[in-house]
Amino acid sequence: MDNEFNSTIYLVRGADDAIQLQ
């Protein structure tokens, strides 16, 4: 459960970083 939550946060952060890089 914790791993699933952490994975979701990681993906959201990655998407946010990708948007900022553009």
PDB file of N, CA and C in Angstrom:
ATOM      1  N   MET A   1       0.841  -1.206   0.000  1.00  0.00           N
ATOM      2  CA  MET A   1       0.000   0.000   0.000  1.00  0.00           C
ATOM      3  C   MET A   1       0.874   1.253   0.000  1.00  0.00           C
ATOM      4  N   ASP A   2       1.851   1.299   0.860  1.00  0.00           N
ATOM      5  CA  ASP A   2       2.752   2.458   0.900  1.00  0.00           C
ATOM      6  C   ASP A   2       3.523   2.586  -0.416  1.00  0.00           C
ATOM      7  N   ASN A   3       3.997   1.451  -0.929  1.00  0.00           N
ATOM      8  CA  ASN A   3       4.744   1.487  -2.188  1.00  0.00           C
ATOM      9  C   ASN A   3       3.883   2.027  -3.319  1.00  0.00           C
ATOM     10  N   GLU A   4       2.613   1.644  -3.317  1.00  0.00           N
ATOM     11  CA  GLU A   4       1.711   2.103  -4.375  1.00  0.00           C
ATOM     12  C   GLU A   4       1.528   3.609  -4.272  1.00  0.00           C
ATOM     13  N   PHE A   5       1.375   4.087  -3.050  1.00  0.00           N
ATOM     14  CA  PHE A   5       1.192   5.524  -2.831  1.00  0.00           C
ATOM     15  C   PHE A   5       2.449   6.284  -3.249  1.00  0.00           C
ATOM     16  N   ASN A   6       3.609   5.802  -2.852  1.00  0.00           N
ATOM     17  CA  ASN A   6       4.874   6.450  -3.204  1.00  0.00           C
ATOM     18  C   ASN A   6       5.067   6.470  -4.717  1.00  0.00           C
ATOM     19  N   SER A   7       4.683   5.406  -5.387  1.00  0.00           N
ATOM     20  CA  SER A   7       4.827   5.341  -6.837  1.00  0.00           C
ATOM     21  C   SER A   7       3.962   6.407  -7.503  1.00  0.00           C
ATOM     22  N   THR A   8       2.759   6.588  -6.958  1.00  0.00           N
ATOM     23  CA  THR A   8       1.855   7.590  -7.531  1.00  0.00           C
ATOM     24  C   THR A   8       2.443   8.984  -7.345  1.00  0.00           C
ATOM     25  N   ILE A   9       2.954   9.270  -6.168  1.00  0.00           N
ATOM     26  CA  ILE A   9       3.559  10.581  -5.914  1.00  0.00           C
ATOM     27  C   ILE A   9       4.742  10.795  -6.846  1.00  0.00           C
ATOM     28  N   TYR A  10       5.544   9.745  -7.053  1.00  0.00           N
ATOM     29  CA  TYR A  10       6.709   9.850  -7.928  1.00  0.00           C
ATOM     30  C   TYR A  10       6.296  10.188  -9.353  1.00  0.00           C
ATOM     31  N   LEU A  11       5.237   9.535  -9.819  1.00  0.00           N
ATOM     32  CA  LEU A  11       4.764   9.786 -11.187  1.00  0.00           C
ATOM     33  C   LEU A  11       4.237  11.205 -11.314  1.00  0.00           C
ATOM     34  N   VAL A  12       3.521  11.670 -10.296  1.00  0.00           N
ATOM     35  CA  VAL A  12       2.975  13.030 -10.333  1.00  0.00           C
ATOM     36  C   VAL A  12       4.113  14.037 -10.330  1.00  0.00           C
ATOM     37  N   ARG A  13       5.112  13.809  -9.507  1.00  0.00           N
ATOM     38  CA  ARG A  13       6.265  14.717  -9.462  1.00  0.00           C
ATOM     39  C   ARG A  13       6.990  14.722 -10.797  1.00  0.00           C
ATOM     40  N   GLY A  14       7.145  13.552 -11.389  1.00  0.00           N
ATOM     41  CA  GLY A  14       7.828  13.432 -12.679  1.00  0.00           C
ATOM     42  C   GLY A  14       7.084  14.219 -13.750  1.00  0.00           C
ATOM     43  N   ALA A  15       5.761  14.135 -13.741  1.00  0.00           N
ATOM     44  CA  ALA A  15       4.957  14.864 -14.720  1.00  0.00           C
ATOM     45  C   ALA A  15       5.103  16.361 -14.491  1.00  0.00           C
ATOM     46  N   ASP A  16       5.115  16.769 -13.224  1.00  0.00           N
ATOM     47  CA  ASP A  16       5.249  18.190 -12.881  1.00  0.00           C
ATOM     48  C   ASP A  16       6.613  18.703 -13.348  1.00  0.00           C
ATOM     49  N   ASP A  17       7.659  17.919 -13.128  1.00  0.00           N
ATOM     50  CA  ASP A  17       9.003  18.310 -13.568  1.00  0.00           C
ATOM     51  C   ASP A  17       9.054  18.433 -15.084  1.00  0.00           C
ATOM     52  N   ALA A  18       8.425  17.498 -15.778  1.00  0.00           N
ATOM     53  CA  ALA A  18       8.436  17.509 -17.240  1.00  0.00           C
ATOM     54  C   ALA A  18       7.763  18.777 -17.765  1.00  0.00           C
ATOM     55  N   ILE A  19       6.681  19.177 -17.112  1.00  0.00           N
ATOM     56  CA  ILE A  19       5.969  20.394 -17.543  1.00  0.00           C
ATOM     57  C   ILE A  19       6.861  21.617 -17.322  1.00  0.00           C
ATOM     58  N   GLN A  20       7.556  21.661 -16.197  1.00  0.00           N
ATOM     59  CA  GLN A  20       8.414  22.810 -15.899  1.00  0.00           C
ATOM     60  C   GLN A  20       9.591  22.881 -16.868  1.00  0.00           C
ATOM     61  N   LEU A  21      10.088  21.720 -17.301  1.00  0.00           N
ATOM     62  CA  LEU A  21      11.221  21.714 -18.222  1.00  0.00           C
ATOM     63  C   LEU A  21      10.827  22.290 -19.580  1.00  0.00           C
ATOM     64  N   GLN A  22       9.565  22.150 -19.948  1.00  0.00           N
ATOM     65  CA  GLN A  22       9.108  22.701 -21.220  1.00  0.00           C
ATOM     66  C   GLN A  22       8.877  24.185 -21.032  1.00  0.00           C
TER      67      GLN A  22
END
